[in-house]
Protein backbone atom coordinates (compact mmCIF):
# COMPACT_ATOMS: atom_id res chain seq x y z
CA MET A 1 25.49 -20.69 99.75
CA VAL A 2 24.64 -17.24 98.38
CA ALA A 3 21.01 -16.22 98.42
CA LYS A 4 19.68 -14.46 95.36
CA MET A 5 16.77 -12.12 95.26
CA LYS A 6 14.94 -10.63 92.33
CA VAL A 7 13.02 -7.42 92.85
CA GLU A 8 10.35 -6.62 90.30
CA GLY A 9 8.69 -3.30 89.71
CA VAL A 10 11.67 -1.04 90.42
CA PRO A 11 11.23 1.00 87.21
CA GLU A 12 7.52 1.51 87.97
CA VAL A 13 8.22 2.62 91.54
CA THR A 14 10.99 4.92 90.34
CA ARG A 15 8.64 6.52 87.79
CA ALA A 16 5.97 6.98 90.46
CA PHE A 17 8.42 8.66 92.86
CA ASN A 18 9.71 10.87 90.04
CA LYS A 19 6.14 11.91 89.26
CA VAL A 20 5.59 12.87 92.90
CA GLU A 21 8.91 14.73 92.99
CA ASP A 22 7.97 16.69 89.86
CA ALA A 23 4.56 17.55 91.30
CA VAL A 24 5.90 18.93 94.59
CA ARG A 25 8.55 21.12 92.97
CA ASP A 26 5.93 23.72 92.21
CA LEU A 27 2.97 23.89 94.58
CA THR A 28 1.92 27.37 93.45
CA GLU A 29 -1.74 26.40 93.03
CA VAL A 30 -1.93 24.78 96.47
CA HIS A 31 -0.20 27.71 98.15
CA GLU A 32 -2.49 30.17 96.38
CA ALA A 33 -5.56 28.19 97.52
CA GLU A 34 -4.29 28.39 101.09
CA ALA A 35 -3.61 32.11 100.84
CA GLN A 36 -7.07 32.75 99.33
CA MET A 37 -8.62 30.75 102.16
CA LEU A 38 -6.76 32.83 104.77
CA LEU A 39 -7.24 36.23 103.11
CA PRO A 40 -10.55 37.07 104.87
CA ASP A 41 -8.88 36.50 108.25
CA VAL A 42 -5.91 38.66 107.25
CA LEU A 43 -8.30 41.43 106.22
CA SER A 44 -10.29 41.17 109.44
CA GLY A 45 -7.08 41.55 111.48
CA THR A 46 -5.86 44.56 109.50
CA ARG A 47 -6.35 48.13 110.72
CA LYS A 48 -9.01 49.95 108.72
CA LYS A 49 -8.75 53.67 109.35
CA SER A 50 -9.34 54.51 105.68
CA GLY A 51 -9.63 51.02 104.20
CA THR A 52 -6.67 51.53 101.88
CA LEU A 53 -4.45 49.06 103.72
CA ALA A 54 -7.00 46.26 103.85
CA SER A 55 -8.07 46.73 100.24
CA GLY A 56 -4.43 46.53 99.16
CA TYR A 57 -3.91 42.91 100.25
CA ARG A 58 -3.93 40.13 97.70
CA ALA A 59 -3.25 36.45 98.15
CA GLU A 60 -0.66 34.79 95.94
CA GLY A 61 0.99 31.45 95.61
CA ALA A 62 4.61 30.78 94.75
CA PRO A 63 6.28 27.42 94.12
CA THR A 64 7.32 27.06 97.77
CA GLN A 65 5.02 29.33 99.77
CA ALA A 66 1.71 31.06 100.23
CA LYS A 67 2.08 34.79 100.49
CA PHE A 68 0.21 38.02 100.99
CA VAL A 69 1.26 41.05 99.00
CA ASN A 70 0.33 44.64 99.70
CA ASP A 71 1.70 47.58 97.73
CA VAL A 72 0.65 50.12 100.36
CA VAL A 73 3.89 51.67 101.62
CA TYR A 74 3.04 51.34 105.32
CA ALA A 75 1.70 47.77 105.15
CA GLY A 76 4.85 46.27 106.68
CA VAL A 77 4.89 48.81 109.50
CA GLN A 78 1.28 48.03 110.37
CA GLU A 79 1.79 44.27 110.17
CA PHE A 80 5.09 44.08 112.07
CA GLY A 81 5.01 47.31 114.10
CA TRP A 82 7.58 50.03 114.64
CA ALA A 83 8.64 50.41 118.26
CA ASP A 84 10.43 53.75 117.72
CA HIS A 85 7.13 55.26 116.61
CA ASN A 86 4.89 53.42 119.09
CA ILE A 87 3.15 51.46 116.37
CA GLU A 88 2.04 48.09 117.67
CA PRO A 89 2.05 45.21 115.18
CA THR A 90 -1.26 43.78 114.07
CA ASN A 91 0.29 40.38 113.25
CA ALA A 92 -2.79 39.81 111.08
CA ILE A 93 -1.00 37.40 108.76
CA ALA A 94 0.55 35.33 111.56
CA GLN A 95 -2.79 35.26 113.38
CA ALA A 96 -4.58 34.07 110.23
CA PHE A 97 -2.16 31.16 109.91
CA ALA A 98 -2.26 30.37 113.64
CA SER A 99 -6.05 30.33 113.87
CA ASN A 100 -6.55 28.14 110.81
CA THR A 101 -4.18 25.22 111.30
CA GLU A 102 -6.87 22.58 110.72
CA ARG A 103 -8.10 24.23 107.54
CA THR A 104 -4.52 24.66 106.31
CA GLU A 105 -3.73 21.02 107.05
CA LYS A 106 -6.78 19.98 105.02
CA VAL A 107 -5.67 22.05 102.00
CA TYR A 108 -2.25 20.40 102.03
CA ASN A 109 -3.51 16.90 102.89
CA ASP A 110 -5.93 17.05 99.97
CA ALA A 111 -3.11 18.18 97.67
CA ILE A 112 -0.81 15.40 98.86
CA GLU A 113 -3.57 12.87 98.31
CA ARG A 114 -4.19 14.13 94.75
CA ILE A 115 -0.46 14.00 93.96
CA ALA A 116 -0.06 10.52 95.42
CA LYS A 117 -3.10 9.17 93.55
CA SER A 118 -1.92 10.68 90.26
CA ALA A 119 1.37 8.82 90.73
CA GLY A 120 -0.47 5.56 91.40
CA PHE A 121 -0.09 5.38 95.17
CA ASP A 122 -2.99 4.32 97.35
CA THR A 123 -3.61 6.81 100.14
CA LYS A 124 -5.41 6.06 103.37
């Protein structure tokens, strides 16, 4: 005897998963929200001899990451250091991420919940 099974709802589930997949391809808005949330901490951890470096930071989002951009030529040297010139790194960006894990998790959890709900999934 061969057992037969009929599965209903496959097209609906497939559409829902495709909707989620499309939504997570570009999380620019979510990443930008995270970067904006962290920007004050990045600024507070940045050296401020003249204020040029700190005022040069801006938060941006890209499809796959949150990022901080600074057009000041020496921004990278201040952030990451330069041992040959005895410049210690500030690690302001890494510290901002490290000290805000709960807030960052909330930003992404809220985004995942919105995406799931828009695709018709119940989140708990």
